[in-house]
C-alpha atoms as a PDB file:
ATOM      1  CA  MET A   1     128.491 136.059  99.038  1.00  0.00           C
ATOM      2  CA  ARG A   2     127.619 132.791 100.629  1.00  0.00           C
ATOM      3  CA  LEU A   3     123.893 133.708 100.587  1.00  0.00           C
ATOM      4  CA  PHE A   4     124.168 134.164  96.896  1.00  0.00           C
ATOM      5  CA  PHE A   5     125.541 130.803  96.364  1.00  0.00           C
ATOM      6  CA  ILE A   6     122.771 129.182  98.701  1.00  0.00           C
ATOM      7  CA  ARG A   7     120.111 131.116  96.469  1.00  0.00           C
ATOM      8  CA  ILE A   8     121.754 129.631  93.243  1.00  0.00           C
ATOM      9  CA  ALA A   9     121.856 126.205  94.709  1.00  0.00           C
ATOM     10  CA  CYS A  10     118.209 126.383  95.757  1.00  0.00           C
ATOM     11  CA  SER A  11     117.113 127.608  92.437  1.00  0.00           C
ATOM     12  CA  ILE A  12     118.937 124.848  90.758  1.00  0.00           C
ATOM     13  CA  LEU A  13     117.360 122.313  93.013  1.00  0.00           C
ATOM     14  CA  ILE A  14     113.674 123.717  92.563  1.00  0.00           C
ATOM     15  CA  LEU A  15     114.275 123.609  88.707  1.00  0.00           C
ATOM     16  CA  ALA A  16     115.459 120.010  88.830  1.00  0.00           C
ATOM     17  CA  LEU A  17     112.565 118.948  90.807  1.00  0.00           C
ATOM     18  CA  PHE A  18     110.043 120.461  88.386  1.00  0.00           C
ATOM     19  CA  SER A  19     111.774 119.140  85.339  1.00  0.00           C
ATOM     20  CA  GLY A  20     111.841 115.475  86.333  1.00  0.00           C
ATOM     21  CA  CYS A  21     108.551 114.512  85.109  1.00  0.00           C
ATOM     22  CA  SER A  22     106.729 117.254  83.370  1.00  0.00           C
ATOM     23  CA  THR A  23     103.480 117.928  81.761  1.00  0.00           C
ATOM     24  CA  ARG A  24     101.154 120.345  79.827  1.00  0.00           C
ATOM     25  CA  SER A  25      97.441 120.196  79.618  1.00  0.00           C
ATOM     26  CA  ALA A  26      96.009 117.212  77.376  1.00  0.00           C
ATOM     27  CA  GLY A  27      94.042 117.752  74.268  1.00  0.00           C
ATOM     28  CA  HIS A  28      92.314 114.542  73.405  1.00  0.00           C
ATOM     29  CA  VAL A  29      92.686 113.630  69.776  1.00  0.00           C
ATOM     30  CA  ALA A  30      91.959 110.209  68.451  1.00  0.00           C
ATOM     31  CA  SER A  31      94.929 108.062  67.794  1.00  0.00           C
ATOM     32  CA  PRO A  32      95.187 106.190  64.487  1.00  0.00           C
ATOM     33  CA  ASN A  33      96.167 102.869  66.454  1.00  0.00           C
ATOM     34  CA  SER A  34      92.960 102.619  68.349  1.00  0.00           C
ATOM     35  CA  ALA A  35      92.739  99.029  67.090  1.00  0.00           C
ATOM     36  CA  HIS A  36      95.573  98.079  69.495  1.00  0.00           C
ATOM     37  CA  VAL A  37      93.615  97.802  72.648  1.00  0.00           C
ATOM     38  CA  ASN A  38      94.038  95.146  75.423  1.00  0.00           C
ATOM     39  CA  TYR A  39      90.528  95.313  77.144  1.00  0.00           C
ATOM     40  CA  SER A  40      91.679  93.106  79.882  1.00  0.00           C
ATOM     41  CA  ASP A  41      94.625  95.611  80.817  1.00  0.00           C
ATOM     42  CA  LEU A  42      92.222  98.513  80.408  1.00  0.00           C
ATOM     43  CA  ASP A  43      89.913  96.954  83.094  1.00  0.00           C
ATOM     44  CA  LYS A  44      92.894  97.110  85.494  1.00  0.00           C
ATOM     45  CA  LEU A  45      94.586 100.314  84.321  1.00  0.00           C
ATOM     46  CA  TYR A  46      91.743 102.798  84.560  1.00  0.00           C
ATOM     47  CA  PRO A  47      90.527 101.914  88.105  1.00  0.00           C
ATOM     48  CA  TYR A  48      94.320 102.040  89.115  1.00  0.00           C
ATOM     49  CA  HIS A  49      94.505 105.467  87.633  1.00  0.00           C
ATOM     50  CA  ASN A  50      91.271 106.592  89.688  1.00  0.00           C
ATOM     51  CA  GLN A  51      92.908 105.211  92.916  1.00  0.00           C
ATOM     52  CA  TRP A  52      96.067 107.357  92.380  1.00  0.00           C
ATOM     53  CA  HIS A  53      94.344 110.285  90.572  1.00  0.00           C
ATOM     54  CA  GLN A  54      95.919 113.639  91.525  1.00  0.00           C
ATOM     55  CA  THR A  55      98.350 111.963  93.859  1.00  0.00           C
ATOM     56  CA  PRO A  56     100.956 114.734  94.027  1.00  0.00           C
ATOM     57  CA  TYR A  57     104.197 114.446  92.106  1.00  0.00           C
ATOM     58  CA  LYS A  58     107.350 114.077  94.338  1.00  0.00           C
ATOM     59  CA  LEU A  59     110.816 113.387  92.974  1.00  0.00           C
ATOM     60  CA  GLY A  60     111.931 110.015  94.460  1.00  0.00           C
ATOM     61  CA  GLY A  61     108.508 109.574  95.870  1.00  0.00           C
ATOM     62  CA  PHE A  62     106.979 106.106  95.902  1.00  0.00           C
ATOM     63  CA  GLY A  63     103.627 106.494  97.858  1.00  0.00           C
ATOM     64  CA  ALA A  64     100.247 108.217  98.276  1.00  0.00           C
ATOM     65  CA  LYS A  65     102.014 111.393  99.677  1.00  0.00           C
ATOM     66  CA  GLY A  66     103.888 111.980  96.573  1.00  0.00           C
ATOM     67  CA  ILE A  67     105.218 109.710  93.563  1.00  0.00           C
ATOM     68  CA  ASP A  68     107.398 110.365  90.614  1.00  0.00           C
ATOM     69  CA  CYS A  69     106.766 109.011  87.090  1.00  0.00           C
ATOM     70  CA  SER A  70     108.980 105.851  87.287  1.00  0.00           C
ATOM     71  CA  ALA A  71     107.702 105.071  90.666  1.00  0.00           C
ATOM     72  CA  PHE A  72     104.194 105.169  89.500  1.00  0.00           C
ATOM     73  CA  VAL A  73     104.946 102.893  86.393  1.00  0.00           C
ATOM     74  CA  GLN A  74     106.884 100.446  88.642  1.00  0.00           C
ATOM     75  CA  ARG A  75     104.100 100.242  91.322  1.00  0.00           C
ATOM     76  CA  ALA A  76     101.347  99.675  88.419  1.00  0.00           C
ATOM     77  CA  TYR A  77     103.201  96.998  86.918  1.00  0.00           C
ATOM     78  CA  GLN A  78     103.898  95.244  90.298  1.00  0.00           C
ATOM     79  CA  ASP A  79     100.257  95.719  91.579  1.00  0.00           C
ATOM     80  CA  LEU A  80      98.316  94.974  88.415  1.00  0.00           C
ATOM     81  CA  PHE A  81     100.462  92.492  86.662  1.00  0.00           C
ATOM     82  CA  ASN A  82     102.732  91.053  89.349  1.00  0.00           C
ATOM     83  CA  MET A  83     105.630  92.062  87.400  1.00  0.00           C
ATOM     84  CA  THR A  84     108.731  93.650  88.931  1.00  0.00           C
ATOM     85  CA  ILE A  85     110.348  96.282  86.566  1.00  0.00           C
ATOM     86  CA  PRO A  86     113.199  98.568  86.908  1.00  0.00           C
ATOM     87  CA  ARG A  87     112.600 101.775  89.364  1.00  0.00           C
ATOM     88  CA  THR A  88     114.285 104.632  87.008  1.00  0.00           C
ATOM     89  CA  THR A  89     113.223 106.027  83.791  1.00  0.00           C
ATOM     90  CA  ARG A  90     116.676 105.577  82.462  1.00  0.00           C
ATOM     91  CA  THR A  91     116.588 101.877  83.286  1.00  0.00           C
ATOM     92  CA  LEU A  92     113.079 101.467  81.992  1.00  0.00           C
ATOM     93  CA  ALA A  93     114.154 103.057  78.737  1.00  0.00           C
ATOM     94  CA  ARG A  94     116.339  99.835  78.133  1.00  0.00           C
ATOM     95  CA  TYR A  95     114.047  97.269  79.352  1.00  0.00           C
ATOM     96  CA  GLY A  96     111.587  95.162  77.218  1.00  0.00           C
ATOM     97  CA  ARG A  97     111.554  95.559  73.567  1.00  0.00           C
ATOM     98  CA  LYS A  98     111.253  98.719  71.428  1.00  0.00           C
ATOM     99  CA  VAL A  99     108.073  98.965  69.333  1.00  0.00           C
ATOM    100  CA  PRO A 100     107.225 101.588  66.574  1.00  0.00           C
ATOM    101  CA  ARG A 101     104.690 104.252  67.557  1.00  0.00           C
ATOM    102  CA  SER A 102     102.297 102.798  65.063  1.00  0.00           C
ATOM    103  CA  ASP A 103     102.309  99.659  67.028  1.00  0.00           C
ATOM    104  CA  ILE A 104     101.408 100.983  70.594  1.00  0.00           C
ATOM    105  CA  THR A 105      99.051  98.890  72.579  1.00  0.00           C
ATOM    106  CA  THR A 106      97.539  99.034  76.025  1.00  0.00           C
ATOM    107  CA  SER A 107     100.013  98.904  78.895  1.00  0.00           C
ATOM    108  CA  ASP A 108     103.029  99.620  76.846  1.00  0.00           C
ATOM    109  CA  LEU A 109     105.493 102.145  78.333  1.00  0.00           C
ATOM    110  CA  ILE A 110     105.921 105.298  76.281  1.00  0.00           C
ATOM    111  CA  PHE A 111     108.801 107.705  76.813  1.00  0.00           C
ATOM    112  CA  PHE A 112     109.274 111.411  76.322  1.00  0.00           C
ATOM    113  CA  LYS A 113     112.281 113.632  76.036  1.00  0.00           C
ATOM    114  CA  THR A 114     111.251 116.696  78.401  1.00  0.00           C
ATOM    115  CA  GLY A 115     114.461 118.344  78.643  1.00  0.00           C
ATOM    116  CA  TYR A 116     118.222 118.122  77.580  1.00  0.00           C
ATOM    117  CA  ASN A 117     118.676 115.220  80.025  1.00  0.00           C
ATOM    118  CA  THR A 118     115.237 114.753  81.281  1.00  0.00           C
ATOM    119  CA  ARG A 119     113.053 111.797  80.391  1.00  0.00           C
ATOM    120  CA  HIS A 120     109.403 110.884  81.413  1.00  0.00           C
ATOM    121  CA  VAL A 121     107.563 107.656  81.262  1.00  0.00           C
ATOM    122  CA  GLY A 122     103.819 106.676  81.327  1.00  0.00           C
ATOM    123  CA  ILE A 123     101.682 103.817  80.544  1.00  0.00           C
ATOM    124  CA  TYR A 124      99.715 103.730  77.397  1.00  0.00           C
ATOM    125  CA  LEU A 125      95.963 103.125  77.608  1.00  0.00           C
ATOM    126  CA  GLN A 126      94.098 103.659  74.334  1.00  0.00           C
ATOM    127  CA  ASN A 127      93.266 106.467  71.761  1.00  0.00           C
ATOM    128  CA  GLY A 128      96.336 108.202  72.452  1.00  0.00           C
ATOM    129  CA  ASP A 129      95.667 108.291  76.235  1.00  0.00           C
ATOM    130  CA  PHE A 130      98.355 107.430  78.751  1.00  0.00           C
ATOM    131  CA  MET A 131      98.518 107.647  82.414  1.00  0.00           C
ATOM    132  CA  HIS A 132     101.523 109.069  84.085  1.00  0.00           C
ATOM    133  CA  THR A 133     102.567 111.512  87.064  1.00  0.00           C
ATOM    134  CA  SER A 134     102.713 115.122  86.066  1.00  0.00           C
ATOM    135  CA  SER A 135     104.890 117.450  88.070  1.00  0.00           C
ATOM    136  CA  ARG A 136     102.164 120.196  88.129  1.00  0.00           C
ATOM    137  CA  GLU A 137      98.894 117.895  88.500  1.00  0.00           C
ATOM    138  CA  GLY A 138     100.148 114.586  89.996  1.00  0.00           C
ATOM    139  CA  VAL A 139      98.914 111.410  88.585  1.00  0.00           C
ATOM    140  CA  ILE A 140      96.620 112.190  85.506  1.00  0.00           C
ATOM    141  CA  ILE A 141      95.730 110.941  81.922  1.00  0.00           C
ATOM    142  CA  SER A 142      97.081 112.941  79.011  1.00  0.00           C
ATOM    143  CA  ASN A 143      97.028 112.326  75.316  1.00  0.00           C
ATOM    144  CA  ILE A 144     100.208 111.739  73.148  1.00  0.00           C
ATOM    145  CA  ASN A 145      98.764 113.886  70.338  1.00  0.00           C
ATOM    146  CA  ASP A 146      98.763 116.905  72.436  1.00  0.00           C
ATOM    147  CA  PRO A 147     101.185 119.261  70.858  1.00  0.00           C
ATOM    148  CA  TYR A 148     103.480 119.158  73.960  1.00  0.00           C
ATOM    149  CA  TRP A 149     103.664 115.414  74.285  1.00  0.00           C
ATOM    150  CA  LYS A 150     103.723 114.837  70.477  1.00  0.00           C
ATOM    151  CA  LYS A 151     106.837 117.084  69.997  1.00  0.00           C
ATOM    152  CA  ARG A 152     108.639 115.306  72.906  1.00  0.00           C
ATOM    153  CA  TYR A 153     107.640 111.608  72.195  1.00  0.00           C
ATOM    154  CA  TRP A 154     110.718 109.363  72.203  1.00  0.00           C
ATOM    155  CA  MET A 155     109.948 105.792  72.143  1.00  0.00           C
ATOM    156  CA  THR A 156     107.553 103.133  73.068  1.00  0.00           C
ATOM    157  CA  ARG A 157     108.787  99.900  74.898  1.00  0.00           C
ATOM    158  CA  ARG A 158     106.936  96.666  75.542  1.00  0.00           C
ATOM    159  CA  VAL A 159     107.586  94.738  78.847  1.00  0.00           C
ATOM    160  CA  LYS A 160     104.513  92.388  78.895  1.00  0.00           C
END
């Protein structure tokens, strides 16, 4: 009986780990708000993505051996913009000011509801693309117009 409960607990832990920051493959469809581009920020964000590209996802991780979505966002803002922002997705969702999807611009934080109580955050780049930490692929660029992300889009917040 004890072994049964241990197996159940392990299964729940594994599900929690993989639902924290989730993803699907990205289909790149042009975004209608491509006019909202901050090229100065893009010149920082793309090289930063390249530096972290495919760093594995790790719930609670904060470094090159593994990082989660909110830690990646927090580190990017600290490293690129010298801004200290909150660590958790929940706190980030109340930080800065909310902006409509039609007004998204480079370096905005975009949030998704990926599960009943699971939220995900990334940094908007341009043309619908955003960089984030995927639980399956690590640090990657996806597109908010991909059916998976489009269905789960929650809100955008501007912190700069």
